[in-house]
């Protein structure tokens, strides 16, 4: 299904071909670098809001059949399940890439012929139309990825049906994904897909792009300029 402005998707497109995997740390440890800009009380709430806006946009994207959130955080699990995501405990408990591989395996246990993609949980400005372009372009490659706005990390990694995801997120992951043979997606106009948020300055840019309703509700409490 699709959503109009301000609406939240509560289920998925039953004709879609993509399963998206979104990893989320326990909120108490998530987005630690935002502490300076937002304060320690607001930081975990922002981390959840980012994830809610990311998941809602993903579920509203044409072509997405389901979104699997890998997390052990019960508060986040309840909030994201209410949006329509399927919650998967992080049973490997071995870091980000193990969680993503676990989510991809779970998605394909349910739908063996699905294309899968890993998507960061901190994309509060994510626009369904931009994500749809990424998915459409990715479908022509065995594996493909989108680098972050800094050109160093990765916000999206896909694997076509029958291809292994092989995630290598964290730090300079762009170089690792290139070295692994994944195609880099260089389409123009993907600002919302590339804009992950780790710092107050990142959040300022995301707010300029236009964030989803959950992050917008917390905007008045944030001073991004403090973390430059």
N, C-alpha and C. Protein backbone atom coordinates (compact mmCIF):
# COMPACT_ATOMS: atom_id res chain seq x y z
N UNK A 1 0.85 -1.19 0.00
CA UNK A 1 0.00 0.00 0.00
C UNK A 1 0.88 1.24 0.00
N UNK A 2 0.26 2.38 -0.31
CA UNK A 2 0.97 3.64 -0.23
C UNK A 2 0.30 4.52 0.81
N UNK A 3 0.96 5.62 1.17
CA UNK A 3 0.37 6.52 2.14
C UNK A 3 0.34 7.92 1.58
N UNK A 4 -0.60 8.72 2.02
CA UNK A 4 -0.58 10.13 1.70
C UNK A 4 0.17 10.86 2.79
N UNK A 5 0.46 12.14 2.58
CA UNK A 5 1.24 12.90 3.54
C UNK A 5 0.60 12.85 4.91
N UNK A 6 1.38 12.50 5.92
CA UNK A 6 0.89 12.48 7.29
C UNK A 6 0.32 11.16 7.73
N UNK A 7 0.07 10.24 6.80
CA UNK A 7 -0.48 8.95 7.17
C UNK A 7 0.63 7.97 7.50
N UNK A 8 0.31 6.99 8.30
CA UNK A 8 1.25 5.94 8.67
C UNK A 8 0.78 4.63 8.06
N UNK A 9 1.68 3.95 7.38
CA UNK A 9 1.33 2.64 6.82
C UNK A 9 1.20 1.63 7.94
N UNK A 10 0.16 0.83 7.92
CA UNK A 10 -0.03 -0.17 8.96
C UNK A 10 0.03 -1.59 8.43
N UNK A 11 0.22 -1.74 7.15
CA UNK A 11 0.47 -3.07 6.61
C UNK A 11 1.30 -2.93 5.34
N UNK A 12 1.62 -4.03 4.71
CA UNK A 12 2.53 -3.98 3.59
C UNK A 12 1.82 -4.24 2.27
N UNK A 13 2.54 -4.00 1.19
CA UNK A 13 2.04 -4.26 -0.16
C UNK A 13 2.13 -5.76 -0.42
N UNK A 14 0.99 -6.40 -0.48
CA UNK A 14 0.97 -7.86 -0.60
C UNK A 14 1.48 -8.34 -1.95
N UNK A 15 1.61 -7.44 -2.90
CA UNK A 15 2.17 -7.83 -4.19
C UNK A 15 3.65 -7.48 -4.29
N UNK A 16 4.20 -6.87 -3.26
CA UNK A 16 5.60 -6.44 -3.30
C UNK A 16 6.56 -7.61 -3.32
N UNK A 17 7.75 -7.35 -3.82
CA UNK A 17 8.74 -8.41 -3.94
C UNK A 17 9.89 -8.28 -2.96
N UNK A 18 9.97 -7.17 -2.22
CA UNK A 18 11.12 -6.90 -1.37
C UNK A 18 10.81 -7.14 0.10
N UNK A 19 11.78 -7.74 0.78
CA UNK A 19 11.78 -7.81 2.24
C UNK A 19 12.93 -6.94 2.73
N UNK A 20 12.63 -5.99 3.59
CA UNK A 20 13.65 -5.10 4.13
C UNK A 20 13.98 -5.49 5.56
N UNK A 21 15.25 -5.44 5.90
CA UNK A 21 15.71 -5.78 7.24
C UNK A 21 16.28 -4.52 7.88
N UNK A 22 15.73 -4.14 9.02
CA UNK A 22 16.14 -2.92 9.72
C UNK A 22 16.67 -3.31 11.10
N UNK A 23 17.94 -3.07 11.39
CA UNK A 23 18.50 -3.41 12.69
C UNK A 23 18.38 -2.24 13.67
N UNK A 24 18.12 -2.54 14.92
CA UNK A 24 18.01 -1.47 15.91
C UNK A 24 18.60 -1.93 17.24
N UNK A 25 19.59 -1.18 17.72
CA UNK A 25 20.17 -1.45 19.03
C UNK A 25 19.14 -1.22 20.13
N UNK A 26 19.37 -1.76 21.32
CA UNK A 26 18.57 -1.33 22.47
C UNK A 26 18.63 0.19 22.60
N UNK A 27 17.50 0.81 22.85
CA UNK A 27 17.43 2.27 22.85
C UNK A 27 18.38 2.91 23.85
N UNK A 28 18.66 2.24 24.94
CA UNK A 28 19.56 2.80 25.95
C UNK A 28 20.96 3.01 25.41
N UNK A 29 21.32 2.27 24.34
CA UNK A 29 22.67 2.39 23.77
C UNK A 29 22.69 3.03 22.38
N UNK A 30 21.53 3.29 21.84
CA UNK A 30 21.45 3.78 20.46
C UNK A 30 21.77 5.27 20.35
N UNK A 31 22.40 5.65 19.24
CA UNK A 31 22.65 7.06 18.89
C UNK A 31 23.42 7.79 19.99
N UNK A 32 24.47 7.20 20.49
CA UNK A 32 25.23 7.79 21.59
C UNK A 32 25.82 9.14 21.23
N UNK A 33 26.18 9.35 19.96
CA UNK A 33 26.78 10.62 19.55
C UNK A 33 25.79 11.78 19.53
N UNK A 34 24.51 11.47 19.61
CA UNK A 34 23.51 12.53 19.67
C UNK A 34 23.35 13.10 21.07
N UNK A 35 24.00 12.47 22.05
CA UNK A 35 23.84 12.91 23.43
C UNK A 35 24.19 14.37 23.64
N UNK A 36 25.26 14.84 23.01
CA UNK A 36 25.68 16.23 23.19
C UNK A 36 24.63 17.21 22.69
N UNK A 37 24.03 16.90 21.57
CA UNK A 37 23.06 17.82 20.98
C UNK A 37 21.69 17.71 21.63
N UNK A 38 21.29 16.51 21.97
CA UNK A 38 19.91 16.28 22.40
C UNK A 38 19.77 16.07 23.90
N UNK A 39 20.85 15.67 24.56
CA UNK A 39 20.76 15.30 25.97
C UNK A 39 20.44 13.83 26.12
N UNK A 40 20.85 13.27 27.23
CA UNK A 40 20.71 11.82 27.41
C UNK A 40 19.26 11.36 27.61
N UNK A 41 18.40 12.25 28.05
CA UNK A 41 17.00 11.86 28.20
C UNK A 41 16.29 11.80 26.85
N UNK A 42 16.62 12.72 25.98
CA UNK A 42 15.96 12.77 24.68
C UNK A 42 16.56 11.80 23.67
N UNK A 43 17.83 11.48 23.83
CA UNK A 43 18.54 10.64 22.85
C UNK A 43 17.81 9.33 22.52
N UNK A 44 17.43 8.50 23.52
CA UNK A 44 16.75 7.25 23.15
C UNK A 44 15.39 7.48 22.51
N UNK A 45 14.73 8.57 22.87
CA UNK A 45 13.44 8.87 22.23
C UNK A 45 13.65 9.24 20.77
N UNK A 46 14.73 9.96 20.49
CA UNK A 46 15.04 10.27 19.10
C UNK A 46 15.37 9.01 18.31
N UNK A 47 16.15 8.12 18.92
CA UNK A 47 16.50 6.88 18.23
C UNK A 47 15.25 6.10 17.83
N UNK A 48 14.28 6.06 18.73
CA UNK A 48 13.02 5.38 18.42
C UNK A 48 12.25 6.13 17.34
N UNK A 49 12.19 7.45 17.45
CA UNK A 49 11.47 8.24 16.44
C UNK A 49 12.08 8.06 15.06
N UNK A 50 13.42 8.06 14.98
CA UNK A 50 14.07 7.82 13.69
C UNK A 50 13.63 6.48 13.11
N UNK A 51 13.65 5.45 13.96
CA UNK A 51 13.28 4.12 13.50
C UNK A 51 11.82 4.06 13.07
N UNK A 52 10.95 4.72 13.82
CA UNK A 52 9.53 4.73 13.45
C UNK A 52 9.32 5.39 12.09
N UNK A 53 9.96 6.53 11.87
CA UNK A 53 9.80 7.21 10.59
C UNK A 53 10.43 6.41 9.45
N UNK A 54 11.55 5.74 9.72
CA UNK A 54 12.17 4.89 8.70
C UNK A 54 11.26 3.73 8.32
N UNK A 55 10.76 3.04 9.32
CA UNK A 55 9.91 1.87 9.07
C UNK A 55 8.60 2.28 8.39
N UNK A 56 8.00 3.38 8.84
CA UNK A 56 6.75 3.82 8.22
C UNK A 56 6.95 4.15 6.75
N UNK A 57 8.05 4.83 6.43
CA UNK A 57 8.32 5.16 5.03
C UNK A 57 8.60 3.91 4.21
N UNK A 58 9.33 2.97 4.79
CA UNK A 58 9.63 1.73 4.08
C UNK A 58 8.35 0.94 3.79
N UNK A 59 7.47 0.87 4.77
CA UNK A 59 6.22 0.14 4.57
C UNK A 59 5.31 0.82 3.55
N UNK A 60 5.48 2.12 3.39
CA UNK A 60 4.68 2.86 2.42
C UNK A 60 5.25 2.81 1.01
N UNK A 61 6.40 2.18 0.85
CA UNK A 61 7.10 2.16 -0.43
C UNK A 61 6.52 1.08 -1.35
N UNK A 62 6.17 1.44 -2.57
CA UNK A 62 5.72 0.42 -3.53
C UNK A 62 6.80 -0.64 -3.73
N UNK A 63 6.38 -1.88 -3.75
CA UNK A 63 7.33 -2.97 -3.95
C UNK A 63 7.80 -3.63 -2.68
N UNK A 64 7.55 -3.01 -1.53
CA UNK A 64 7.98 -3.61 -0.26
C UNK A 64 6.89 -4.53 0.25
N UNK A 65 7.24 -5.77 0.44
CA UNK A 65 6.27 -6.76 0.95
C UNK A 65 6.25 -6.75 2.46
N UNK A 66 7.43 -6.69 3.09
CA UNK A 66 7.48 -6.70 4.54
C UNK A 66 8.76 -6.06 5.03
N UNK A 67 8.72 -5.63 6.29
CA UNK A 67 9.88 -5.05 6.97
C UNK A 67 10.13 -5.85 8.23
N UNK A 68 11.34 -6.37 8.34
CA UNK A 68 11.75 -7.15 9.51
C UNK A 68 12.67 -6.28 10.35
N UNK A 69 12.29 -6.01 11.58
CA UNK A 69 13.13 -5.24 12.49
C UNK A 69 13.80 -6.20 13.45
N UNK A 70 15.12 -6.18 13.45
CA UNK A 70 15.90 -7.04 14.34
C UNK A 70 16.27 -6.23 15.57
N UNK A 71 15.67 -6.55 16.69
CA UNK A 71 15.92 -5.79 17.92
C UNK A 71 15.55 -6.62 19.13
N UNK A 72 16.22 -6.32 20.24
CA UNK A 72 15.87 -6.92 21.52
C UNK A 72 15.22 -5.90 22.45
N UNK A 73 14.97 -4.71 21.96
CA UNK A 73 14.38 -3.66 22.79
C UNK A 73 12.86 -3.81 22.78
N UNK A 74 12.28 -4.02 23.94
CA UNK A 74 10.84 -4.30 24.01
C UNK A 74 10.00 -3.07 23.69
N UNK A 75 10.46 -1.89 24.10
CA UNK A 75 9.71 -0.66 23.80
C UNK A 75 9.71 -0.41 22.30
N UNK A 76 10.87 -0.51 21.68
CA UNK A 76 10.96 -0.32 20.24
C UNK A 76 10.16 -1.39 19.50
N UNK A 77 10.24 -2.61 19.97
CA UNK A 77 9.52 -3.70 19.32
C UNK A 77 8.02 -3.43 19.29
N UNK A 78 7.47 -2.96 20.41
CA UNK A 78 6.04 -2.67 20.46
C UNK A 78 5.67 -1.53 19.52
N UNK A 79 6.48 -0.48 19.52
CA UNK A 79 6.16 0.68 18.68
C UNK A 79 6.27 0.36 17.20
N UNK A 80 7.27 -0.40 16.82
CA UNK A 80 7.48 -0.70 15.40
C UNK A 80 6.53 -1.80 14.91
N UNK A 81 6.18 -2.72 15.79
CA UNK A 81 5.17 -3.71 15.44
C UNK A 81 3.83 -3.04 15.17
N UNK A 82 3.52 -2.00 15.93
CA UNK A 82 2.27 -1.28 15.74
C UNK A 82 2.20 -0.61 14.37
N UNK A 83 3.35 -0.32 13.78
CA UNK A 83 3.39 0.27 12.44
C UNK A 83 3.23 -0.77 11.34
N UNK A 84 3.40 -2.05 11.69
CA UNK A 84 3.28 -3.11 10.70
C UNK A 84 4.53 -3.91 10.47
N UNK A 85 5.61 -3.61 11.20
CA UNK A 85 6.86 -4.36 11.04
C UNK A 85 6.76 -5.71 11.75
N UNK A 86 7.53 -6.66 11.26
CA UNK A 86 7.68 -7.94 11.95
C UNK A 86 8.94 -7.86 12.81
N UNK A 87 8.82 -8.22 14.07
CA UNK A 87 9.93 -8.09 15.02
C UNK A 87 10.64 -9.43 15.15
N UNK A 88 11.96 -9.38 15.07
CA UNK A 88 12.79 -10.57 15.18
C UNK A 88 13.84 -10.33 16.25
N UNK A 89 13.87 -11.14 17.30
CA UNK A 89 14.90 -10.96 18.32
C UNK A 89 16.30 -11.15 17.73
N UNK A 90 17.24 -10.43 18.27
CA UNK A 90 18.63 -10.52 17.81
C UNK A 90 19.31 -11.70 18.49
N UNK A 91 18.92 -12.89 18.08
CA UNK A 91 19.45 -14.08 18.74
C UNK A 91 20.93 -14.32 18.50
N UNK A 92 21.52 -13.88 17.37
CA UNK A 92 22.97 -14.05 17.28
C UNK A 92 23.72 -13.24 18.33
N UNK A 93 23.18 -12.03 18.64
CA UNK A 93 23.82 -11.14 19.62
C UNK A 93 25.31 -10.99 19.34
N UNK A 94 25.64 -10.81 18.06
CA UNK A 94 27.04 -10.75 17.65
C UNK A 94 27.33 -9.52 16.81
N UNK A 95 26.55 -8.47 17.00
CA UNK A 95 26.81 -7.24 16.30
C UNK A 95 25.90 -6.99 15.11
N UNK A 96 26.12 -5.84 14.48
CA UNK A 96 25.24 -5.35 13.43
C UNK A 96 25.13 -6.29 12.24
N UNK A 97 26.25 -6.73 11.71
CA UNK A 97 26.20 -7.54 10.49
C UNK A 97 25.61 -8.92 10.73
N UNK A 98 25.86 -9.48 11.90
CA UNK A 98 25.23 -10.75 12.24
C UNK A 98 23.72 -10.59 12.37
N UNK A 99 23.28 -9.46 12.92
CA UNK A 99 21.85 -9.20 13.04
C UNK A 99 21.21 -9.07 11.66
N UNK A 100 21.88 -8.40 10.75
CA UNK A 100 21.34 -8.24 9.40
C UNK A 100 21.27 -9.57 8.66
N UNK A 101 22.31 -10.37 8.78
CA UNK A 101 22.29 -11.69 8.14
C UNK A 101 21.17 -12.55 8.72
N UNK A 102 20.97 -12.45 10.03
CA UNK A 102 19.90 -13.18 10.70
C UNK A 102 18.53 -12.74 10.17
N UNK A 103 18.34 -11.44 10.01
CA UNK A 103 17.08 -10.93 9.49
C UNK A 103 16.83 -11.36 8.06
N UNK A 104 17.87 -11.33 7.24
CA UNK A 104 17.73 -11.75 5.84
C UNK A 104 17.37 -13.23 5.75
N UNK A 105 18.01 -14.04 6.58
CA UNK A 105 17.71 -15.47 6.60
C UNK A 105 16.27 -15.72 7.01
N UNK A 106 15.80 -14.98 8.02
CA UNK A 106 14.43 -15.14 8.47
C UNK A 106 13.44 -14.75 7.38
N UNK A 107 13.74 -13.66 6.67
CA UNK A 107 12.85 -13.22 5.58
C UNK A 107 12.75 -14.29 4.50
N UNK A 108 13.86 -14.91 4.19
CA UNK A 108 13.85 -15.91 3.12
C UNK A 108 13.35 -17.26 3.57
N UNK A 109 13.32 -17.50 4.85
CA UNK A 109 12.66 -18.71 5.32
C UNK A 109 11.16 -18.63 5.05
N UNK A 110 10.61 -17.42 5.13
CA UNK A 110 9.19 -17.23 4.85
C UNK A 110 8.92 -17.10 3.35
N UNK A 111 9.84 -16.45 2.63
CA UNK A 111 9.67 -16.22 1.20
C UNK A 111 11.00 -16.47 0.50
N UNK A 112 11.28 -17.71 0.15
CA UNK A 112 12.60 -18.06 -0.39
C UNK A 112 12.98 -17.31 -1.66
N UNK A 113 11.99 -16.85 -2.42
CA UNK A 113 12.28 -16.18 -3.69
C UNK A 113 12.35 -14.66 -3.57
N UNK A 114 12.42 -14.15 -2.35
CA UNK A 114 12.36 -12.70 -2.18
C UNK A 114 13.71 -12.04 -2.41
N UNK A 115 13.66 -10.81 -2.90
CA UNK A 115 14.82 -9.93 -2.84
C UNK A 115 14.85 -9.32 -1.44
N UNK A 116 16.03 -9.20 -0.87
CA UNK A 116 16.15 -8.66 0.48
C UNK A 116 17.08 -7.46 0.46
N UNK A 117 16.88 -6.58 1.43
CA UNK A 117 17.75 -5.42 1.56
C UNK A 117 17.87 -5.02 3.01
N UNK A 118 19.07 -4.62 3.39
CA UNK A 118 19.31 -4.04 4.70
C UNK A 118 19.14 -2.53 4.60
N UNK A 119 18.47 -1.95 5.59
CA UNK A 119 18.21 -0.52 5.60
C UNK A 119 18.50 0.02 6.98
N UNK A 120 19.27 1.10 7.06
CA UNK A 120 19.55 1.71 8.35
C UNK A 120 18.27 2.13 9.05
N UNK A 121 18.31 2.15 10.38
CA UNK A 121 17.15 2.55 11.18
C UNK A 121 17.13 4.04 11.47
N UNK A 122 18.15 4.77 11.01
CA UNK A 122 18.26 6.19 11.36
C UNK A 122 18.13 7.09 10.13
N UNK A 123 17.04 6.88 9.40
CA UNK A 123 16.75 7.66 8.19
C UNK A 123 15.42 8.39 8.36
N UNK A 124 15.34 9.36 9.27
CA UNK A 124 14.04 9.96 9.59
C UNK A 124 13.42 10.77 8.47
N UNK A 125 14.23 11.16 7.47
CA UNK A 125 13.70 11.92 6.33
C UNK A 125 13.35 11.02 5.15
N UNK A 126 13.43 9.72 5.32
CA UNK A 126 13.24 8.78 4.21
C UNK A 126 11.91 9.00 3.49
N UNK A 127 11.99 9.06 2.16
CA UNK A 127 10.81 9.25 1.33
C UNK A 127 10.53 7.97 0.55
N UNK A 128 9.31 7.47 0.61
CA UNK A 128 9.00 6.23 -0.09
C UNK A 128 9.34 6.26 -1.57
N UNK A 129 9.13 7.39 -2.23
CA UNK A 129 9.40 7.45 -3.67
C UNK A 129 10.89 7.30 -3.97
N UNK A 130 11.75 7.87 -3.12
CA UNK A 130 13.19 7.73 -3.33
C UNK A 130 13.63 6.29 -3.07
N UNK A 131 13.09 5.69 -2.02
CA UNK A 131 13.41 4.30 -1.75
C UNK A 131 12.94 3.41 -2.89
N UNK A 132 11.78 3.71 -3.45
CA UNK A 132 11.27 2.92 -4.58
C UNK A 132 12.23 2.97 -5.77
N UNK A 133 12.82 4.12 -6.03
CA UNK A 133 13.80 4.23 -7.12
C UNK A 133 15.02 3.36 -6.84
N UNK A 134 15.45 3.36 -5.58
CA UNK A 134 16.60 2.53 -5.20
C UNK A 134 16.29 1.06 -5.40
N UNK A 135 15.12 0.63 -4.97
CA UNK A 135 14.75 -0.78 -5.11
C UNK A 135 14.65 -1.17 -6.58
N UNK A 136 14.06 -0.31 -7.39
CA UNK A 136 13.93 -0.61 -8.81
C UNK A 136 15.30 -0.74 -9.47
N UNK A 137 16.20 0.17 -9.16
CA UNK A 137 17.54 0.13 -9.74
C UNK A 137 18.30 -1.09 -9.23
N UNK A 138 18.15 -1.39 -7.95
CA UNK A 138 18.86 -2.52 -7.36
C UNK A 138 18.48 -3.85 -7.99
N UNK A 139 17.27 -3.93 -8.49
CA UNK A 139 16.76 -5.21 -9.01
C UNK A 139 17.54 -5.69 -10.23
N UNK A 140 18.37 -4.84 -10.81
CA UNK A 140 19.15 -5.24 -11.99
C UNK A 140 20.53 -5.76 -11.62
N UNK A 141 20.85 -5.83 -10.32
CA UNK A 141 22.16 -6.28 -9.87
C UNK A 141 22.01 -7.42 -8.86
N UNK A 142 22.97 -8.33 -8.79
CA UNK A 142 22.93 -9.35 -7.73
C UNK A 142 22.97 -8.71 -6.34
N UNK A 143 23.84 -7.72 -6.17
CA UNK A 143 23.94 -6.97 -4.92
C UNK A 143 24.23 -5.51 -5.26
N UNK A 144 23.64 -4.61 -4.49
CA UNK A 144 23.85 -3.18 -4.73
C UNK A 144 23.72 -2.43 -3.41
N UNK A 145 24.29 -1.23 -3.36
CA UNK A 145 24.25 -0.48 -2.11
C UNK A 145 24.20 1.02 -2.38
N UNK A 146 23.76 1.75 -1.36
CA UNK A 146 23.76 3.21 -1.36
C UNK A 146 24.69 3.68 -0.26
N UNK A 147 25.63 4.56 -0.61
CA UNK A 147 26.52 5.10 0.40
C UNK A 147 25.82 6.21 1.17
N UNK A 148 26.32 6.50 2.36
CA UNK A 148 25.72 7.56 3.17
C UNK A 148 26.11 8.93 2.63
N UNK A 149 25.55 9.97 3.24
CA UNK A 149 25.78 11.33 2.76
C UNK A 149 27.25 11.73 2.85
N UNK A 150 27.98 11.14 3.78
CA UNK A 150 29.40 11.45 3.93
C UNK A 150 30.26 10.74 2.90
N UNK A 151 29.70 9.76 2.20
CA UNK A 151 30.45 9.01 1.21
C UNK A 151 31.38 7.97 1.79
N UNK A 152 31.17 7.60 3.04
CA UNK A 152 32.05 6.67 3.74
C UNK A 152 31.32 5.38 4.12
N UNK A 153 30.15 5.53 4.67
CA UNK A 153 29.39 4.38 5.14
C UNK A 153 28.35 3.92 4.14
N UNK A 154 27.39 3.14 4.64
CA UNK A 154 26.34 2.55 3.80
C UNK A 154 25.02 2.69 4.53
N UNK A 155 23.98 3.05 3.79
CA UNK A 155 22.64 3.10 4.38
C UNK A 155 21.72 2.02 3.86
N UNK A 156 22.09 1.39 2.73
CA UNK A 156 21.21 0.41 2.08
C UNK A 156 22.09 -0.60 1.35
N UNK A 157 21.74 -1.88 1.50
CA UNK A 157 22.44 -2.96 0.78
C UNK A 157 21.41 -3.99 0.36
N UNK A 158 21.41 -4.36 -0.91
CA UNK A 158 20.41 -5.29 -1.42
C UNK A 158 21.04 -6.58 -1.93
N UNK A 159 20.22 -7.61 -1.97
CA UNK A 159 20.60 -8.89 -2.56
C UNK A 159 19.41 -9.43 -3.34
N UNK A 160 19.64 -9.72 -4.61
CA UNK A 160 18.59 -10.25 -5.47
C UNK A 160 18.20 -11.66 -5.03
N UNK A 161 17.06 -12.17 -5.48
CA UNK A 161 16.70 -13.55 -5.16
C UNK A 161 17.83 -14.51 -5.50
N UNK A 162 18.18 -15.34 -4.54
CA UNK A 162 19.25 -16.30 -4.74
C UNK A 162 20.63 -15.80 -4.38
N UNK A 163 20.78 -14.49 -4.17
CA UNK A 163 22.07 -13.92 -3.80
C UNK A 163 22.15 -13.73 -2.29
N UNK A 164 23.33 -13.94 -1.73
CA UNK A 164 23.54 -13.75 -0.30
C UNK A 164 23.76 -12.26 -0.02
N UNK A 165 23.21 -11.77 1.10
CA UNK A 165 23.31 -10.35 1.42
C UNK A 165 24.75 -9.93 1.71
N UNK A 166 25.46 -10.67 2.52
CA UNK A 166 26.87 -10.41 2.87
C UNK A 166 27.08 -8.98 3.36
N UNK A 167 26.41 -8.59 4.43
CA UNK A 167 26.55 -7.22 4.92
C UNK A 167 27.92 -6.97 5.54
N UNK A 168 28.44 -5.76 5.33
CA UNK A 168 29.72 -5.36 5.92
C UNK A 168 29.61 -3.93 6.43
N UNK A 169 28.54 -3.66 7.17
CA UNK A 169 28.27 -2.33 7.68
C UNK A 169 29.24 -1.96 8.80
N UNK A 170 29.29 -0.65 9.09
CA UNK A 170 30.12 -0.13 10.15
C UNK A 170 31.35 0.57 9.62
N UNK A 171 31.58 1.81 10.07
CA UNK A 171 32.77 2.54 9.65
C UNK A 171 32.81 2.74 8.15
N UNK A 172 33.98 2.52 7.53
CA UNK A 172 34.14 2.74 6.08
C UNK A 172 33.56 1.59 5.25
N UNK A 173 32.27 1.37 5.39
CA UNK A 173 31.65 0.19 4.77
C UNK A 173 31.48 0.35 3.26
N UNK A 174 31.48 1.58 2.76
CA UNK A 174 31.40 1.75 1.31
C UNK A 174 32.53 0.99 0.63
N UNK A 175 33.75 1.16 1.12
CA UNK A 175 34.90 0.49 0.51
C UNK A 175 34.76 -1.02 0.61
N UNK A 176 34.26 -1.51 1.74
CA UNK A 176 34.12 -2.96 1.90
C UNK A 176 33.06 -3.52 0.96
N UNK A 177 31.95 -2.81 0.83
CA UNK A 177 30.90 -3.30 -0.07
C UNK A 177 31.35 -3.25 -1.53
N UNK A 178 32.08 -2.23 -1.91
CA UNK A 178 32.65 -2.20 -3.26
C UNK A 178 33.59 -3.38 -3.48
N UNK A 179 34.45 -3.62 -2.51
CA UNK A 179 35.42 -4.71 -2.64
C UNK A 179 34.74 -6.07 -2.70
N UNK A 180 33.54 -6.17 -2.11
CA UNK A 180 32.82 -7.44 -2.12
C UNK A 180 32.09 -7.69 -3.44
N UNK A 181 32.12 -6.71 -4.34
CA UNK A 181 31.47 -6.88 -5.63
C UNK A 181 30.10 -6.25 -5.76
N UNK A 182 29.61 -5.61 -4.70
CA UNK A 182 28.31 -4.95 -4.79
C UNK A 182 28.41 -3.70 -5.65
N UNK A 183 27.37 -3.43 -6.41
CA UNK A 183 27.33 -2.25 -7.27
C UNK A 183 26.90 -1.04 -6.45
N UNK A 184 27.59 0.07 -6.63
CA UNK A 184 27.20 1.30 -5.94
C UNK A 184 26.14 2.03 -6.74
N UNK A 185 25.06 2.41 -6.08
CA UNK A 185 23.97 3.13 -6.73
C UNK A 185 24.28 4.62 -6.64
N UNK A 186 24.44 5.25 -7.79
CA UNK A 186 24.84 6.65 -7.84
C UNK A 186 23.74 7.55 -8.42
N UNK A 187 22.51 7.15 -8.28
CA UNK A 187 21.41 7.96 -8.80
C UNK A 187 21.35 9.30 -8.09
N UNK A 188 20.98 10.35 -8.82
CA UNK A 188 20.75 11.65 -8.21
C UNK A 188 19.42 11.64 -7.48
N UNK A 189 19.27 12.56 -6.53
CA UNK A 189 17.99 12.72 -5.87
C UNK A 189 17.66 11.66 -4.85
N UNK A 190 18.69 11.14 -4.17
CA UNK A 190 18.47 10.13 -3.12
C UNK A 190 18.85 10.67 -1.75
N UNK A 191 18.68 11.98 -1.55
CA UNK A 191 19.13 12.60 -0.31
C UNK A 191 18.52 11.95 0.93
N UNK A 192 17.24 11.59 0.85
CA UNK A 192 16.59 11.04 2.04
C UNK A 192 17.05 9.63 2.35
N UNK A 193 17.50 8.90 1.34
CA UNK A 193 18.01 7.54 1.55
C UNK A 193 19.44 7.59 2.10
N UNK A 194 20.17 8.61 1.76
CA UNK A 194 21.57 8.71 2.17
C UNK A 194 21.75 9.41 3.52
N UNK A 195 20.74 10.17 3.98
CA UNK A 195 20.90 11.00 5.16
C UNK A 195 20.61 10.23 6.44
N UNK A 196 21.61 9.48 6.89
CA UNK A 196 21.50 8.87 8.21
C UNK A 196 21.86 9.94 9.24
N UNK A 197 21.46 9.71 10.49
CA UNK A 197 21.63 10.72 11.53
C UNK A 197 22.42 10.14 12.69
N UNK A 198 23.63 10.66 12.87
CA UNK A 198 24.48 10.27 13.99
C UNK A 198 24.79 11.43 14.91
N UNK A 199 24.76 12.65 14.40
CA UNK A 199 25.14 13.84 15.16
C UNK A 199 24.05 14.90 15.07
N UNK A 200 24.21 15.93 15.87
CA UNK A 200 23.28 17.04 15.81
C UNK A 200 23.26 17.72 14.46
N UNK A 201 24.42 17.85 13.83
CA UNK A 201 24.48 18.45 12.50
C UNK A 201 23.76 17.58 11.48
N UNK A 202 23.91 16.26 11.59
CA UNK A 202 23.16 15.36 10.71
C UNK A 202 21.66 15.58 10.86
N UNK A 203 21.24 15.75 12.11
CA UNK A 203 19.81 15.94 12.36
C UNK A 203 19.34 17.27 11.78
N UNK A 204 20.17 18.30 11.89
CA UNK A 204 19.80 19.59 11.31
C UNK A 204 19.54 19.44 9.81
N UNK A 205 20.41 18.72 9.12
CA UNK A 205 20.25 18.53 7.68
C UNK A 205 18.99 17.72 7.39
N UNK A 206 18.75 16.68 8.18
CA UNK A 206 17.55 15.86 7.99
C UNK A 206 16.29 16.69 8.18
N UNK A 207 16.30 17.56 9.18
CA UNK A 207 15.14 18.42 9.41
C UNK A 207 14.91 19.36 8.23
N UNK A 208 15.98 19.80 7.61
CA UNK A 208 15.86 20.65 6.43
C UNK A 208 15.23 19.88 5.27
N UNK A 209 15.60 18.60 5.13
CA UNK A 209 15.01 17.77 4.09
C UNK A 209 13.53 17.54 4.33
N UNK A 210 13.17 17.45 5.62
CA UNK A 210 11.80 17.15 5.99
C UNK A 210 11.70 15.76 6.57
N UNK A 211 11.46 15.67 7.87
CA UNK A 211 11.43 14.39 8.56
C UNK A 211 10.00 13.90 8.72
N UNK A 212 9.88 12.65 9.14
CA UNK A 212 8.58 12.07 9.39
C UNK A 212 7.96 12.60 10.67
N UNK A 213 6.72 12.22 10.94
CA UNK A 213 5.98 12.82 12.06
C UNK A 213 6.55 12.51 13.43
N UNK A 214 7.14 11.35 13.62
CA UNK A 214 7.66 11.02 14.94
C UNK A 214 8.86 11.88 15.31
N UNK A 215 9.76 12.05 14.37
CA UNK A 215 10.92 12.91 14.61
C UNK A 215 10.49 14.36 14.70
N UNK A 216 9.56 14.77 13.87
CA UNK A 216 9.09 16.15 13.90
C UNK A 216 8.51 16.52 15.25
N UNK A 217 7.85 15.57 15.90
CA UNK A 217 7.25 15.84 17.20
C UNK A 217 8.29 16.18 18.26
N UNK A 218 9.53 15.69 18.07
CA UNK A 218 10.60 15.96 19.03
C UNK A 218 11.48 17.13 18.62
N UNK A 219 11.25 17.69 17.48
CA UNK A 219 12.13 18.71 16.92
C UNK A 219 12.32 19.90 17.86
N UNK A 220 11.26 20.33 18.50
CA UNK A 220 11.35 21.52 19.34
C UNK A 220 12.28 21.34 20.53
N UNK A 221 12.58 20.08 20.88
CA UNK A 221 13.43 19.81 22.03
C UNK A 221 14.90 19.65 21.68
N UNK A 222 15.24 19.78 20.41
CA UNK A 222 16.58 19.48 19.94
C UNK A 222 17.29 20.75 19.50
N UNK A 223 18.59 20.86 19.81
CA UNK A 223 19.42 21.97 19.34
C UNK A 223 20.61 21.40 18.61
N UNK A 224 20.49 21.10 17.32
CA UNK A 224 21.57 20.45 16.59
C UNK A 224 22.86 21.23 16.57
N UNK A 225 22.80 22.56 16.65
CA UNK A 225 24.02 23.36 16.53
C UNK A 225 25.00 23.11 17.66
N UNK A 226 24.56 22.52 18.76
CA UNK A 226 25.47 22.27 19.88
C UNK A 226 26.49 21.19 19.57
N UNK A 227 26.19 20.34 18.57
CA UNK A 227 27.07 19.20 18.28
C UNK A 227 27.73 19.37 16.93
N UNK A 228 28.58 20.35 16.81
CA UNK A 228 29.26 20.61 15.54
C UNK A 228 30.75 20.38 15.70
